[in-house]
Structures are given as structure tokens and as C-alpha cells.
Amino acid sequence: MLTLTENASNIVSTIVDKQVQSDDGGLRISGPNDGAFAIAAVAAGEPGDTVVESGDAKVYLEGSASAVLDDKVLDAQVTADGDVQFQLAQQG
């Protein structure tokens, strides 16, 4: 199952807290389409989504994203410009 670094957990929580007013709010990852994933803050997951919880962060994985990301670690950084960059790596 996808895991999140501590940094990714903190950034996901911050994004969701700013954009969604829901106890079930989280970041939803779908795809890949054309080699890229779609990421959006959502009030709740969709039926069939896999839920990954790390600290206060919730990530909802659409079915095909869940299969592709099953053995990955999600990390995140905030750039000097204030943008968020997500990176994937193989689990240890």
C-alpha cells in the first residue's frame, strides 16, 4: 500500500485544511492518464477508493492509481515559489 513520508503527510494535511471543510477531506489521486496522475483536494473519497491515512492526512486512491502506487512512497516539498511538488519512490 502507498505510504507517505512525514513531510508529505504534513503538506497533504495543510492543503486539505485550506481547501476543504470536511472531517473526511483528503487528497484524491486518480489515473494515470497519459503517464500522469490527477491530484485534487476533495471533501470525501469516491466509492471504491482505497484510503491511506498517515497522521492527520488522508489520501484517497482511485482503483487504477491504487494498483500502480501500491509499492510506492509519496514525498512532497514546497518550492521557493510556494508551489508543492510531489515525488514517488519505491518502498524500501
N, C-alpha and C. Protein backbone atom coordinates (compact mmCIF):
# COMPACT_ATOMS: atom_id res chain seq x y z
N MET A 1 0.84 -1.18 0.00
CA MET A 1 0.00 0.00 0.00
C MET A 1 0.89 1.25 0.00
N LEU A 2 0.45 2.28 -0.67
CA LEU A 2 1.16 3.56 -0.70
C LEU A 2 1.43 4.04 0.72
N THR A 3 2.62 4.55 0.95
CA THR A 3 2.94 5.17 2.24
C THR A 3 3.33 6.62 1.98
N LEU A 4 3.22 7.44 3.01
CA LEU A 4 3.56 8.85 2.91
C LEU A 4 4.71 9.15 3.85
N THR A 5 5.63 10.01 3.40
CA THR A 5 6.66 10.49 4.29
C THR A 5 6.01 11.46 5.28
N GLU A 6 6.72 11.77 6.35
CA GLU A 6 6.19 12.73 7.32
C GLU A 6 5.97 14.08 6.65
N ASN A 7 6.88 14.48 5.78
CA ASN A 7 6.75 15.75 5.07
C ASN A 7 5.50 15.75 4.18
N ALA A 8 5.28 14.65 3.46
CA ALA A 8 4.09 14.55 2.61
C ALA A 8 2.82 14.61 3.45
N SER A 9 2.81 13.91 4.58
CA SER A 9 1.63 13.93 5.46
C SER A 9 1.31 15.35 5.90
N ASN A 10 2.33 16.09 6.31
CA ASN A 10 2.12 17.46 6.76
C ASN A 10 1.61 18.36 5.64
N ILE A 11 2.17 18.22 4.45
CA ILE A 11 1.76 19.06 3.32
C ILE A 11 0.35 18.70 2.87
N VAL A 12 0.02 17.42 2.81
CA VAL A 12 -1.33 16.99 2.43
C VAL A 12 -2.33 17.57 3.44
N SER A 13 -2.05 17.45 4.72
CA SER A 13 -2.95 17.99 5.75
C SER A 13 -3.16 19.49 5.57
N THR A 14 -2.08 20.21 5.30
CA THR A 14 -2.17 21.66 5.11
C THR A 14 -3.02 22.01 3.89
N ILE A 15 -2.79 21.33 2.78
CA ILE A 15 -3.57 21.59 1.56
C ILE A 15 -5.04 21.34 1.80
N VAL A 16 -5.36 20.20 2.39
CA VAL A 16 -6.76 19.83 2.60
C VAL A 16 -7.43 20.78 3.58
N ASP A 17 -6.74 21.14 4.67
CA ASP A 17 -7.31 22.07 5.66
C ASP A 17 -7.65 23.42 5.04
N LYS A 18 -6.84 23.87 4.08
CA LYS A 18 -7.07 25.16 3.44
C LYS A 18 -8.18 25.12 2.40
N GLN A 19 -8.40 23.94 1.77
CA GLN A 19 -9.32 23.87 0.63
C GLN A 19 -10.63 23.17 0.91
N VAL A 20 -10.69 22.34 1.95
CA VAL A 20 -11.87 21.50 2.17
C VAL A 20 -12.31 21.62 3.63
N GLN A 21 -13.59 21.84 3.84
CA GLN A 21 -14.13 21.92 5.19
C GLN A 21 -14.94 20.65 5.47
N SER A 22 -14.22 19.55 5.70
CA SER A 22 -14.89 18.27 5.93
C SER A 22 -13.98 17.37 6.76
N ASP A 23 -14.57 16.66 7.72
CA ASP A 23 -13.78 15.71 8.51
C ASP A 23 -13.24 14.57 7.66
N ASP A 24 -13.90 14.30 6.53
CA ASP A 24 -13.45 13.23 5.63
C ASP A 24 -12.60 13.76 4.49
N GLY A 25 -12.25 15.04 4.55
CA GLY A 25 -11.46 15.64 3.47
C GLY A 25 -10.11 14.99 3.31
N GLY A 26 -9.65 14.96 2.07
CA GLY A 26 -8.36 14.38 1.78
C GLY A 26 -7.90 14.75 0.39
N LEU A 27 -6.78 14.20 0.01
CA LEU A 27 -6.24 14.39 -1.32
C LEU A 27 -6.60 13.15 -2.12
N ARG A 28 -7.18 13.32 -3.31
CA ARG A 28 -7.56 12.17 -4.14
C ARG A 28 -6.62 12.09 -5.33
N ILE A 29 -6.09 10.90 -5.55
CA ILE A 29 -5.20 10.65 -6.68
C ILE A 29 -5.89 9.69 -7.62
N SER A 30 -5.97 10.09 -8.88
CA SER A 30 -6.56 9.22 -9.90
C SER A 30 -5.62 9.14 -11.10
N GLY A 31 -5.86 8.15 -11.94
CA GLY A 31 -5.01 7.96 -13.11
C GLY A 31 -4.20 6.69 -12.97
N PRO A 32 -3.13 6.57 -13.66
CA PRO A 32 -2.51 7.59 -14.51
C PRO A 32 -3.18 7.69 -15.89
N ASN A 33 -3.23 8.90 -16.38
CA ASN A 33 -3.71 9.18 -17.73
C ASN A 33 -2.58 9.89 -18.46
N ASP A 34 -2.18 9.34 -19.60
CA ASP A 34 -1.05 9.88 -20.35
C ASP A 34 0.21 9.97 -19.49
N GLY A 35 0.37 9.00 -18.57
CA GLY A 35 1.56 8.92 -17.74
C GLY A 35 1.56 9.82 -16.52
N ALA A 36 0.48 10.56 -16.28
CA ALA A 36 0.42 11.48 -15.15
C ALA A 36 -0.80 11.17 -14.28
N PHE A 37 -0.67 11.51 -13.01
CA PHE A 37 -1.76 11.34 -12.07
C PHE A 37 -2.47 12.67 -11.88
N ALA A 38 -3.78 12.62 -11.63
CA ALA A 38 -4.54 13.81 -11.26
C ALA A 38 -4.64 13.83 -9.74
N ILE A 39 -4.40 14.99 -9.15
CA ILE A 39 -4.44 15.14 -7.70
C ILE A 39 -5.36 16.30 -7.38
N ALA A 40 -6.31 16.06 -6.45
CA ALA A 40 -7.24 17.12 -6.07
C ALA A 40 -7.63 16.97 -4.61
N ALA A 41 -7.85 18.11 -3.94
CA ALA A 41 -8.39 18.09 -2.58
C ALA A 41 -9.90 17.84 -2.71
N VAL A 42 -10.40 16.88 -1.94
CA VAL A 42 -11.82 16.51 -2.02
C VAL A 42 -12.42 16.44 -0.61
N ALA A 43 -13.74 16.60 -0.54
CA ALA A 43 -14.45 16.53 0.74
C ALA A 43 -14.53 15.09 1.25
N ALA A 44 -14.51 14.13 0.32
CA ALA A 44 -14.56 12.71 0.67
C ALA A 44 -14.13 11.91 -0.54
N GLY A 45 -13.77 10.67 -0.32
CA GLY A 45 -13.39 9.79 -1.42
C GLY A 45 -14.60 9.34 -2.21
N GLU A 46 -14.34 8.65 -3.29
CA GLU A 46 -15.39 8.08 -4.13
C GLU A 46 -15.58 6.61 -3.74
N PRO A 47 -16.76 6.04 -4.03
CA PRO A 47 -16.95 4.61 -3.76
C PRO A 47 -15.87 3.78 -4.46
N GLY A 48 -15.27 2.86 -3.74
CA GLY A 48 -14.23 2.01 -4.31
C GLY A 48 -12.82 2.53 -4.12
N ASP A 49 -12.67 3.77 -3.64
CA ASP A 49 -11.33 4.32 -3.39
C ASP A 49 -10.67 3.58 -2.24
N THR A 50 -9.36 3.45 -2.33
CA THR A 50 -8.55 2.95 -1.22
C THR A 50 -8.16 4.17 -0.38
N VAL A 51 -8.26 4.06 0.93
CA VAL A 51 -7.92 5.17 1.81
C VAL A 51 -6.58 4.89 2.49
N VAL A 52 -5.67 5.85 2.36
CA VAL A 52 -4.38 5.77 3.05
C VAL A 52 -4.37 6.91 4.07
N GLU A 53 -4.16 6.56 5.33
CA GLU A 53 -4.10 7.57 6.38
C GLU A 53 -2.71 7.58 6.98
N SER A 54 -2.19 8.79 7.18
CA SER A 54 -0.87 8.97 7.76
C SER A 54 -0.92 10.22 8.63
N GLY A 55 -0.87 10.05 9.95
CA GLY A 55 -1.07 11.19 10.83
C GLY A 55 -2.46 11.73 10.62
N ASP A 56 -2.58 13.03 10.38
CA ASP A 56 -3.88 13.65 10.12
C ASP A 56 -4.24 13.64 8.64
N ALA A 57 -3.34 13.16 7.79
CA ALA A 57 -3.55 13.21 6.34
C ALA A 57 -4.33 11.99 5.85
N LYS A 58 -5.25 12.25 4.91
CA LYS A 58 -5.96 11.19 4.22
C LYS A 58 -5.70 11.33 2.73
N VAL A 59 -5.37 10.21 2.09
CA VAL A 59 -5.20 10.17 0.65
C VAL A 59 -6.15 9.11 0.13
N TYR A 60 -6.98 9.50 -0.84
CA TYR A 60 -7.90 8.58 -1.49
C TYR A 60 -7.30 8.19 -2.84
N LEU A 61 -7.21 6.89 -3.08
CA LEU A 61 -6.65 6.39 -4.33
C LEU A 61 -7.73 5.74 -5.17
N GLU A 62 -7.95 6.28 -6.34
CA GLU A 62 -8.86 5.67 -7.31
C GLU A 62 -8.29 4.30 -7.67
N GLY A 63 -9.12 3.38 -8.12
CA GLY A 63 -8.73 1.99 -8.34
C GLY A 63 -7.44 1.77 -9.11
N SER A 64 -7.31 2.37 -10.29
CA SER A 64 -6.11 2.13 -11.08
C SER A 64 -4.89 2.81 -10.45
N ALA A 65 -5.08 3.95 -9.80
CA ALA A 65 -3.98 4.61 -9.11
C ALA A 65 -3.50 3.75 -7.94
N SER A 66 -4.44 3.13 -7.24
CA SER A 66 -4.08 2.27 -6.12
C SER A 66 -3.20 1.12 -6.57
N ALA A 67 -3.54 0.52 -7.70
CA ALA A 67 -2.76 -0.61 -8.22
C ALA A 67 -1.34 -0.18 -8.60
N VAL A 68 -1.21 0.96 -9.25
CA VAL A 68 0.10 1.45 -9.70
C VAL A 68 0.96 1.93 -8.53
N LEU A 69 0.33 2.52 -7.52
CA LEU A 69 1.08 3.12 -6.42
C LEU A 69 1.25 2.20 -5.21
N ASP A 70 0.83 0.96 -5.33
CA ASP A 70 0.81 0.02 -4.21
C ASP A 70 2.16 -0.12 -3.52
N ASP A 71 3.26 -0.07 -4.26
CA ASP A 71 4.60 -0.28 -3.68
C ASP A 71 5.43 1.00 -3.65
N LYS A 72 4.75 2.14 -3.59
CA LYS A 72 5.45 3.44 -3.66
C LYS A 72 5.36 4.21 -2.35
N VAL A 73 6.27 5.18 -2.23
CA VAL A 73 6.29 6.15 -1.13
C VAL A 73 6.06 7.53 -1.75
N LEU A 74 5.12 8.28 -1.19
CA LEU A 74 4.84 9.63 -1.65
C LEU A 74 5.57 10.62 -0.75
N ASP A 75 6.36 11.49 -1.38
CA ASP A 75 7.04 12.56 -0.66
C ASP A 75 6.58 13.87 -1.28
N ALA A 76 6.78 14.96 -0.56
CA ALA A 76 6.36 16.28 -1.06
C ALA A 76 7.30 17.35 -0.52
N GLN A 77 7.41 18.41 -1.30
CA GLN A 77 8.21 19.58 -0.92
C GLN A 77 7.48 20.83 -1.35
N VAL A 78 7.69 21.91 -0.62
CA VAL A 78 7.21 23.21 -1.03
C VAL A 78 8.40 23.94 -1.64
N THR A 79 8.24 24.43 -2.87
CA THR A 79 9.32 25.13 -3.56
C THR A 79 9.47 26.54 -3.02
N ALA A 80 10.53 27.20 -3.44
CA ALA A 80 10.77 28.59 -3.05
C ALA A 80 9.63 29.50 -3.50
N ASP A 81 8.94 29.13 -4.57
CA ASP A 81 7.82 29.91 -5.09
C ASP A 81 6.52 29.61 -4.36
N GLY A 82 6.54 28.64 -3.44
CA GLY A 82 5.33 28.28 -2.71
C GLY A 82 4.51 27.18 -3.35
N ASP A 83 5.01 26.62 -4.45
CA ASP A 83 4.32 25.52 -5.12
C ASP A 83 4.65 24.21 -4.42
N VAL A 84 3.76 23.24 -4.54
CA VAL A 84 4.01 21.92 -3.97
C VAL A 84 4.44 20.97 -5.07
N GLN A 85 5.51 20.23 -4.80
CA GLN A 85 5.97 19.20 -5.74
C GLN A 85 5.88 17.85 -5.03
N PHE A 86 5.21 16.90 -5.69
CA PHE A 86 5.11 15.55 -5.16
C PHE A 86 6.10 14.66 -5.91
N GLN A 87 6.71 13.74 -5.18
CA GLN A 87 7.62 12.77 -5.78
C GLN A 87 7.23 11.36 -5.31
N LEU A 88 7.44 10.40 -6.20
CA LEU A 88 7.21 9.00 -5.87
C LEU A 88 8.53 8.26 -5.89
N ALA A 89 8.67 7.31 -4.96
CA ALA A 89 9.84 6.45 -4.93
C ALA A 89 9.38 5.04 -4.56
N GLN A 90 10.22 4.06 -4.87
CA GLN A 90 9.93 2.68 -4.48
C GLN A 90 10.05 2.56 -2.96
N GLN A 91 9.20 1.74 -2.37
CA GLN A 91 9.32 1.48 -0.94
C GLN A 91 10.59 0.69 -0.69
N GLY A 92 11.22 0.96 0.47
CA GLY A 92 12.47 0.39 0.92
C GLY A 92 12.73 -1.00 0.54
